[in-house]
Amino acid sequence: VTQIGTYTKIGDLVYVRLDINFTPTVGTGSGNLLFGTLPFTAIATSGPQGSLAYLQSVFTWPTSRTTANLILITTTTVGLIGNGSGQSGSVFTASNVTSGAAAHIVQGCCIYKA
């Protein structure tokens, strides 16, 4: 696992950049795919917060989703949300991770209020 993260806080705005490279061994894992802990607790989890610079294609995409973004899932974690034309967002879960496959890479950034 390679994890690189940086942040800049100006007033109550926090800009976080992440670069995560991992080869999963999911087994019987379940639940949302989360990345955290954020450097400061967010005051809310609503609204658009982030973008992806790169997402390794070995993820299994949620049905009918063709793009992905980073979004606050809790006040201390971010996750991946898949989007598609005419579809509501669908959070990536453990079932979207291919166990034992080549490296999964997530690179992106998000901005939130703390």
Protein backbone atom coordinates (compact mmCIF):
# COMPACT_ATOMS: atom_id res chain seq x y z
CA VAL A 1 0.00 0.00 0.00
CA THR A 2 1.25 3.43 -0.95
CA GLN A 3 -0.61 6.34 0.63
CA ILE A 4 0.23 9.96 -0.03
CA GLY A 5 -1.94 12.78 1.18
CA THR A 6 -1.52 16.50 1.59
CA TYR A 7 -3.83 19.23 2.76
CA THR A 8 -4.08 23.01 2.95
CA LYS A 9 -6.46 24.77 5.32
CA ILE A 10 -7.43 28.39 4.72
CA GLY A 11 -10.00 29.67 7.20
CA ASP A 12 -12.70 27.00 7.36
CA LEU A 13 -11.95 25.51 3.90
CA VAL A 14 -9.80 22.38 3.68
CA TYR A 15 -8.27 21.18 0.40
CA VAL A 16 -7.16 17.53 0.53
CA ARG A 17 -5.17 15.69 -2.15
CA LEU A 18 -4.85 11.91 -2.03
CA ASP A 19 -2.91 9.29 -3.93
CA ILE A 20 -3.61 5.70 -2.85
CA ASN A 21 -2.21 2.56 -4.48
CA PHE A 22 -3.28 -0.81 -3.04
CA THR A 23 -3.70 -4.48 -3.92
CA PRO A 24 -6.77 -5.62 -1.98
CA THR A 25 -7.48 -8.90 -0.25
CA VAL A 26 -11.19 -8.37 0.34
CA GLY A 27 -12.29 -11.87 1.31
CA THR A 28 -15.72 -11.42 2.86
CA GLY A 29 -15.47 -7.64 3.25
CA SER A 30 -18.59 -5.53 2.94
CA GLY A 31 -19.73 -1.94 3.19
CA ASN A 32 -18.66 1.31 1.54
CA LEU A 33 -15.13 1.80 0.23
CA LEU A 34 -13.86 4.61 2.47
CA PHE A 35 -10.66 6.65 2.67
CA GLY A 36 -9.87 8.58 5.84
CA THR A 37 -9.29 9.92 8.40
CA LEU A 38 -9.48 13.50 7.08
CA PRO A 39 -7.18 16.06 8.73
CA PHE A 40 -10.15 18.08 10.05
CA THR A 41 -13.75 17.06 10.76
CA ALA A 42 -16.16 18.31 8.10
CA ILE A 43 -19.17 20.32 9.27
CA ALA A 44 -21.48 18.52 6.80
CA THR A 45 -21.49 15.69 4.27
CA SER A 46 -23.75 17.23 1.61
CA GLY A 47 -22.91 18.85 -1.70
CA PRO A 48 -20.25 18.21 -4.33
CA GLN A 49 -16.80 17.99 -2.81
CA GLY A 50 -14.22 16.37 -5.03
CA SER A 51 -12.87 15.15 -8.29
CA LEU A 52 -10.77 12.26 -9.47
CA ALA A 53 -7.58 12.74 -11.42
CA TYR A 54 -7.15 9.00 -11.98
CA LEU A 55 -9.01 5.79 -11.12
CA GLN A 56 -7.40 2.45 -12.02
CA SER A 57 -9.77 0.46 -14.20
CA VAL A 58 -9.62 -2.82 -12.23
CA PHE A 59 -12.54 -1.61 -10.10
CA THR A 60 -15.90 -3.20 -10.93
CA TRP A 61 -18.18 -0.26 -11.65
CA PRO A 62 -21.65 0.01 -10.11
CA THR A 63 -24.38 -0.82 -12.65
CA SER A 64 -24.98 1.90 -15.29
CA ARG A 65 -22.31 4.19 -13.79
CA THR A 66 -19.64 5.53 -16.14
CA THR A 67 -17.96 8.35 -14.17
CA ALA A 68 -16.80 8.67 -10.59
CA ASN A 69 -16.08 11.41 -8.08
CA LEU A 70 -14.87 11.69 -4.52
CA ILE A 71 -17.55 12.60 -1.99
CA LEU A 72 -17.71 13.01 1.77
CA ILE A 73 -19.33 9.88 3.18
CA THR A 74 -18.97 10.82 6.85
CA THR A 75 -17.51 13.92 8.47
CA THR A 76 -14.11 12.19 8.59
CA THR A 77 -14.00 9.98 5.46
CA VAL A 78 -14.32 10.26 1.68
CA GLY A 79 -15.46 7.59 -0.73
CA LEU A 80 -15.98 7.01 -4.42
CA ILE A 81 -19.38 7.63 -5.94
CA GLY A 82 -20.28 6.38 -9.40
CA ASN A 83 -22.53 8.46 -11.62
CA GLY A 84 -24.33 7.76 -14.88
CA SER A 85 -26.72 9.45 -17.27
CA GLY A 86 -30.17 9.47 -15.66
CA GLN A 87 -28.83 7.56 -12.62
CA SER A 88 -28.53 8.67 -9.02
CA GLY A 89 -25.09 8.35 -7.42
CA SER A 90 -23.96 4.93 -6.23
CA VAL A 91 -21.20 4.62 -3.62
CA PHE A 92 -18.45 2.11 -4.44
CA THR A 93 -18.48 -0.76 -1.93
CA ALA A 94 -16.25 -3.73 -1.14
CA SER A 95 -18.04 -5.64 -3.93
CA ASN A 96 -16.58 -3.14 -6.46
CA VAL A 97 -13.03 -4.09 -5.46
CA THR A 98 -11.43 -7.03 -7.25
CA SER A 99 -9.56 -9.02 -4.59
CA GLY A 100 -6.02 -10.00 -5.47
CA ALA A 101 -6.11 -8.10 -8.76
CA ALA A 102 -3.42 -5.71 -9.88
CA ALA A 103 -2.98 -2.50 -7.96
CA HIS A 104 -6.05 -0.32 -7.47
CA ILE A 105 -5.13 3.35 -7.77
CA VAL A 106 -7.18 6.33 -6.62
CA GLN A 107 -5.88 9.86 -7.14
CA GLY A 108 -7.93 12.97 -6.55
CA CYS A 109 -8.80 15.90 -4.37
CA CYS A 110 -11.69 17.30 -2.39
CA ILE A 111 -12.62 20.56 -0.72
CA TYR A 112 -14.78 20.77 2.36
CA LYS A 113 -15.67 23.09 5.25
CA ALA A 114 -14.33 22.28 8.70
